Amino acid sequence: MYDFSKQARMLALAIDALKSIGIYEDASLGGGTALSAYYWEHRYSTDIDLFIDNSNTLNDIRTYFASLHVKYDIRFPGHYVEVHLSPSEKIQFFETSPRTKSPRICTNLWGFENVYIESVEEILTKKIRFRGDKGNTRDIFDIALGVAKNPLFIQEAFEYGAFSKEHINALIKTLEAIVISQDLMQIYEMEIDFIDPAPQYKELALNAPKFLLEKLLQAFRA
């Protein structure tokens, strides 16, 4: 349903970089693109995210892309590296340890063999842990769909220690702010239109803030 040819091109560049540096085995494709391209086909996604279970590699990644002498916009805030190929093409590299029991699988994707892809639980756990307070439309929809497919996911991940009560509370607070604000809900709905949810998920996508908030309150504040 969705065209991921640009993302496949970016993954090829990322694989070349990771293999050249010698950290391919430590890296996994994650984020919304992995969710949609490999697991759910639920929405449009633009960039690709690589998560590296190895410290002190980001400077090597920046140096590698700089050495290609191509006019990429390379950004290095310190805790991740962004490589902008164009205004609509971005590769992000993060250093972080796995958070779940089964953090990744090895599979084939877009013609590439033996690609490491984060599990659904790992992807959603990272969204809750690191971005729960951001109010990102894509994250809210992704997490809500994860809960709709596996109602026990968040409780099981919490009990495993994948994230803390503080992370849950931050997500709840963010969702409450969106749900009670007509302006924020309008922005949310506009952004949902942009990511073009698959028809079978459109209703959930539009109601994801309220749906997810209700599920979290039932599980953690009952």
Foldseek 3Di string as FASTA:
>chain_A
DDDCPLQVVVVVVVCVLCVVLVQQVQKAKAADVLCCQPNNVWWADFEIEIEGQDPPCQVSSQVVVVVVVDPWDWDPPPQKIWTHPDPRYIYIYGYDDFQDPQFWDFADGPRDHRHIHGDLLRRLLCCLAPPLLPLDLSNLLSNLVVCVVPVCSVVVSAVSVSHDVVSLVSNLVSLVVQVVDPVSLVVSLVVCVVGPTDPVCSVCSSCSSVSVNVSSCVVPVD
